[in-house]
């Protein structure tokens, strides 16, 4: 992801990026992801580090 996050999906996973906005402004950055089926791992990037509510 452009904020430096990494997402690794298992085989046959259904995963949706519902909303994603990164402009280096913690007040407006947002990341909303949905795991529908399967499994994934993530290492959060700047969005998660700067604003956990985002």
N, C-alpha and C. Protein backbone atom coordinates (compact mmCIF):
# COMPACT_ATOMS: atom_id res chain seq x y z
N UNK A 1 0.85 -1.17 0.00
CA UNK A 1 0.00 0.00 0.00
C UNK A 1 0.90 1.24 0.00
N UNK A 2 0.38 2.36 -0.42
CA UNK A 2 1.20 3.57 -0.53
C UNK A 2 1.64 4.13 0.82
N UNK A 3 0.99 3.72 1.92
CA UNK A 3 1.41 4.18 3.25
C UNK A 3 2.44 3.26 3.87
N UNK A 4 2.87 2.24 3.12
CA UNK A 4 3.89 1.31 3.61
C UNK A 4 3.33 0.04 4.22
N UNK A 5 2.00 -0.09 4.29
CA UNK A 5 1.39 -1.31 4.83
C UNK A 5 1.62 -2.48 3.88
N UNK A 6 1.71 -3.67 4.45
CA UNK A 6 1.83 -4.90 3.67
C UNK A 6 0.65 -5.79 4.01
N UNK A 7 0.05 -6.40 2.98
CA UNK A 7 -1.07 -7.32 3.18
C UNK A 7 -0.73 -8.60 2.42
N UNK A 8 -0.81 -9.72 3.13
CA UNK A 8 -0.54 -11.02 2.53
C UNK A 8 -1.82 -11.86 2.63
N UNK A 9 -2.33 -12.33 1.49
CA UNK A 9 -3.57 -13.09 1.45
C UNK A 9 -3.29 -14.58 1.27
N UNK A 10 -4.02 -15.41 1.98
CA UNK A 10 -3.95 -16.85 1.76
C UNK A 10 -4.69 -17.20 0.48
N UNK A 11 -4.43 -18.37 -0.05
CA UNK A 11 -5.10 -18.85 -1.26
C UNK A 11 -6.61 -18.87 -1.06
N UNK A 12 -7.33 -18.55 -2.11
CA UNK A 12 -8.80 -18.58 -2.14
C UNK A 12 -9.44 -17.62 -1.14
N UNK A 13 -8.78 -16.52 -0.86
CA UNK A 13 -9.30 -15.50 0.05
C UNK A 13 -10.11 -14.48 -0.73
N UNK A 14 -11.19 -14.03 -0.14
CA UNK A 14 -11.99 -12.94 -0.69
C UNK A 14 -11.81 -11.76 0.26
N UNK A 15 -11.26 -10.68 -0.25
CA UNK A 15 -10.83 -9.54 0.55
C UNK A 15 -11.24 -8.26 -0.18
N UNK A 16 -11.78 -7.30 0.55
CA UNK A 16 -12.25 -6.07 -0.07
C UNK A 16 -11.61 -4.85 0.60
N UNK A 17 -11.10 -3.95 -0.21
CA UNK A 17 -10.66 -2.65 0.29
C UNK A 17 -11.84 -1.71 0.11
N UNK A 18 -12.53 -1.42 1.21
CA UNK A 18 -13.75 -0.63 1.17
C UNK A 18 -13.45 0.85 1.02
N UNK A 19 -12.46 1.35 1.74
CA UNK A 19 -12.06 2.76 1.65
C UNK A 19 -10.57 2.85 1.94
N UNK A 20 -9.88 3.68 1.17
CA UNK A 20 -8.45 3.87 1.38
C UNK A 20 -8.06 5.26 0.90
N UNK A 21 -7.55 6.07 1.80
CA UNK A 21 -7.09 7.42 1.45
C UNK A 21 -5.87 7.72 2.31
N UNK A 22 -4.76 8.05 1.66
CA UNK A 22 -3.54 8.38 2.38
C UNK A 22 -2.90 9.60 1.75
N UNK A 23 -2.87 10.69 2.51
CA UNK A 23 -2.25 11.93 2.05
C UNK A 23 -1.34 12.51 3.13
N UNK A 24 -0.84 11.67 4.03
CA UNK A 24 0.05 12.08 5.13
C UNK A 24 -0.60 13.05 6.11
N UNK A 25 -1.92 13.08 6.17
CA UNK A 25 -2.64 13.92 7.14
C UNK A 25 -3.45 12.99 8.03
N UNK A 26 -2.99 12.73 9.25
CA UNK A 26 -3.68 11.79 10.13
C UNK A 26 -5.16 12.10 10.35
N UNK A 27 -5.55 13.36 10.21
CA UNK A 27 -6.95 13.74 10.43
C UNK A 27 -7.87 13.25 9.31
N UNK A 28 -7.35 13.06 8.10
CA UNK A 28 -8.20 12.66 6.98
C UNK A 28 -7.85 11.30 6.38
N UNK A 29 -6.75 10.69 6.79
CA UNK A 29 -6.38 9.37 6.26
C UNK A 29 -7.36 8.31 6.75
N UNK A 30 -7.66 7.35 5.88
CA UNK A 30 -8.59 6.29 6.25
C UNK A 30 -8.20 4.98 5.55
N UNK A 31 -8.40 3.88 6.25
CA UNK A 31 -8.17 2.56 5.69
C UNK A 31 -9.24 1.63 6.26
N UNK A 32 -10.14 1.16 5.40
CA UNK A 32 -11.20 0.25 5.81
C UNK A 32 -11.12 -1.00 4.94
N UNK A 33 -10.83 -2.14 5.56
CA UNK A 33 -10.64 -3.40 4.86
C UNK A 33 -11.64 -4.42 5.38
N UNK A 34 -12.08 -5.32 4.50
CA UNK A 34 -13.05 -6.33 4.92
C UNK A 34 -12.60 -7.71 4.45
N UNK A 35 -12.46 -8.62 5.40
CA UNK A 35 -12.16 -10.01 5.08
C UNK A 35 -13.50 -10.74 4.95
N UNK A 36 -13.81 -11.21 3.76
CA UNK A 36 -15.08 -11.88 3.51
C UNK A 36 -14.93 -13.38 3.73
N UNK A 37 -13.82 -13.92 3.25
CA UNK A 37 -13.57 -15.35 3.41
C UNK A 37 -12.08 -15.61 3.27
N UNK A 38 -11.55 -16.52 4.08
CA UNK A 38 -10.15 -16.89 3.97
C UNK A 38 -9.32 -16.32 5.10
N UNK A 39 -8.09 -15.96 4.78
CA UNK A 39 -7.19 -15.46 5.81
C UNK A 39 -6.18 -14.48 5.25
N UNK A 40 -5.70 -13.61 6.11
CA UNK A 40 -4.68 -12.66 5.70
C UNK A 40 -3.84 -12.23 6.89
N UNK A 41 -2.70 -11.65 6.59
CA UNK A 41 -1.83 -11.03 7.59
C UNK A 41 -1.54 -9.63 7.09
N UNK A 42 -1.36 -8.72 8.02
CA UNK A 42 -1.03 -7.36 7.63
C UNK A 42 -0.01 -6.76 8.59
N UNK A 43 0.83 -5.94 8.04
CA UNK A 43 1.72 -5.09 8.84
C UNK A 43 1.27 -3.67 8.53
N UNK A 44 0.76 -2.97 9.53
CA UNK A 44 0.18 -1.66 9.25
C UNK A 44 1.25 -0.66 8.88
N UNK A 45 0.83 0.30 8.07
CA UNK A 45 1.73 1.35 7.61
C UNK A 45 1.48 2.63 8.38
N UNK A 46 1.70 3.74 7.73
CA UNK A 46 1.59 5.05 8.37
C UNK A 46 0.19 5.35 8.89
N UNK A 47 -0.84 4.91 8.17
CA UNK A 47 -2.21 5.19 8.62
C UNK A 47 -2.43 4.58 10.00
N UNK A 48 -2.09 3.34 10.19
CA UNK A 48 -2.27 2.68 11.47
C UNK A 48 -1.37 3.24 12.57
N UNK A 49 -0.20 3.69 12.20
CA UNK A 49 0.74 4.23 13.19
C UNK A 49 0.36 5.63 13.64
N UNK A 50 -0.19 6.43 12.73
CA UNK A 50 -0.50 7.82 13.04
C UNK A 50 -1.88 8.01 13.67
N UNK A 51 -2.86 7.23 13.22
CA UNK A 51 -4.23 7.43 13.67
C UNK A 51 -4.94 6.09 13.76
N UNK A 52 -4.93 5.47 14.90
CA UNK A 52 -5.52 4.14 15.04
C UNK A 52 -7.01 4.12 14.71
N UNK A 53 -7.73 5.21 14.93
CA UNK A 53 -9.16 5.26 14.60
C UNK A 53 -9.40 5.21 13.10
N UNK A 54 -8.42 5.60 12.30
CA UNK A 54 -8.57 5.59 10.85
C UNK A 54 -8.45 4.17 10.32
